[in-house]
Amino acid sequence: MITKEIHGGYTMPFINTGELFEVFGVKIHIGVNIFAILMFLVFLLSIKALLSSLKSKNVLGIIFGLLATLSFGFFSLATIFTYGYPILHH
């Protein structure tokens, strides 16, 4: 289902499956927004950069590529699984 949510006057399109379950007080939804898509694209580019630096044996490139891959991969998945906006407390 494609819906539009209003957050502070701004509209952002979501693909939403609804609330699935709760983990440590965080409600888990499968929702995709533009921010999650952009972060996932950066994640894919960081994988490409990591593989390129591994091929050329560039140590500094390997370190930054690994850090970028881990951080953007984690946050893109976290954004998708928490419906784009994690609510940590009520």
Protein backbone atom coordinates (compact mmCIF):
# COMPACT_ATOMS: atom_id res chain seq x y z
CA MET A 1 0.00 0.00 0.00
CA ILE A 2 1.37 3.42 -0.91
CA THR A 3 0.37 6.16 1.50
CA LYS A 4 1.38 9.71 2.33
CA GLU A 5 2.17 10.72 5.88
CA ILE A 6 2.32 14.31 7.07
CA HIS A 7 5.19 15.10 9.48
CA GLY A 8 5.39 18.71 10.54
CA GLY A 9 3.81 20.02 7.35
CA TYR A 10 6.04 18.00 5.03
CA THR A 11 4.67 15.10 3.04
CA MET A 12 6.77 12.06 2.29
CA PRO A 13 5.63 9.02 0.30
CA PHE A 14 5.92 5.65 1.97
CA ILE A 15 5.41 2.07 0.97
CA ASN A 16 4.00 0.68 4.20
CA THR A 17 3.18 -2.84 5.34
CA GLY A 18 1.83 -1.70 8.71
CA GLU A 19 3.14 -2.42 12.17
CA LEU A 20 4.66 -5.90 12.39
CA PHE A 21 6.09 -6.23 15.92
CA GLU A 22 8.03 -4.36 18.61
CA VAL A 23 11.70 -4.77 19.63
CA PHE A 24 13.01 -3.00 22.75
CA GLY A 25 10.26 -0.39 22.55
CA VAL A 26 10.79 0.33 18.84
CA LYS A 27 7.82 -0.48 16.61
CA ILE A 28 8.95 -2.34 13.50
CA HIS A 29 7.29 -1.46 10.20
CA ILE A 30 8.49 -2.24 6.70
CA GLY A 31 8.37 1.17 5.09
CA VAL A 32 10.42 2.67 2.29
CA ASN A 33 10.87 6.38 1.76
CA ILE A 34 13.19 8.47 -0.40
CA PHE A 35 15.75 8.77 2.41
CA ALA A 36 16.04 4.99 2.72
CA ILE A 37 16.45 4.62 -1.04
CA LEU A 38 19.22 7.25 -1.13
CA MET A 39 21.04 5.64 1.79
CA PHE A 40 20.78 2.23 0.10
CA LEU A 41 22.27 3.68 -3.11
CA VAL A 42 25.19 5.13 -1.11
CA PHE A 43 25.57 1.70 0.50
CA LEU A 44 25.86 0.12 -2.96
CA LEU A 45 28.42 2.72 -4.06
CA SER A 46 30.44 2.12 -0.90
CA ILE A 47 30.52 -1.61 -1.69
CA LYS A 48 31.86 -0.75 -5.16
CA ALA A 49 34.50 1.53 -3.61
CA LEU A 50 35.46 -1.14 -1.07
CA LEU A 51 35.93 -3.75 -3.79
CA SER A 52 37.95 -1.32 -5.88
CA SER A 53 40.23 -0.49 -2.96
CA LEU A 54 40.65 -4.18 -2.14
CA LYS A 55 41.67 -4.80 -5.76
CA SER A 56 44.27 -2.02 -5.67
CA LYS A 57 45.39 -2.90 -2.10
CA ASN A 58 44.76 0.63 -0.84
CA VAL A 59 44.70 0.34 2.97
CA LEU A 60 43.14 3.74 3.69
CA GLY A 61 40.51 3.13 1.02
CA ILE A 62 39.73 -0.26 2.55
CA ILE A 63 39.24 1.30 5.99
CA PHE A 64 36.96 4.10 4.74
CA GLY A 65 35.12 1.76 2.38
CA LEU A 66 34.47 -0.71 5.18
CA LEU A 67 33.28 2.02 7.56
CA ALA A 68 31.00 3.53 4.91
CA THR A 69 29.60 0.13 3.95
CA LEU A 70 28.84 -0.81 7.56
CA SER A 71 27.33 2.53 8.56
CA PHE A 72 25.21 3.17 5.47
CA GLY A 73 24.13 -0.46 5.25
CA PHE A 74 23.02 -0.49 8.88
CA PHE A 75 21.20 2.84 8.73
CA SER A 76 19.45 2.09 5.44
CA LEU A 77 18.10 -1.17 6.88
CA ALA A 78 17.21 0.53 10.16
CA THR A 79 15.34 3.25 8.26
CA ILE A 80 13.38 0.68 6.27
CA PHE A 81 12.52 -1.49 9.28
CA THR A 82 11.41 1.42 11.48
CA TYR A 83 9.12 2.98 8.87
CA GLY A 84 11.55 5.81 8.19
CA TYR A 85 11.27 7.48 11.59
CA PRO A 86 12.25 5.43 14.67
CA ILE A 87 10.21 6.40 17.71
CA LEU A 88 12.29 5.46 20.72
CA HIS A 89 9.96 6.73 23.47
CA HIS A 90 6.39 7.95 23.91
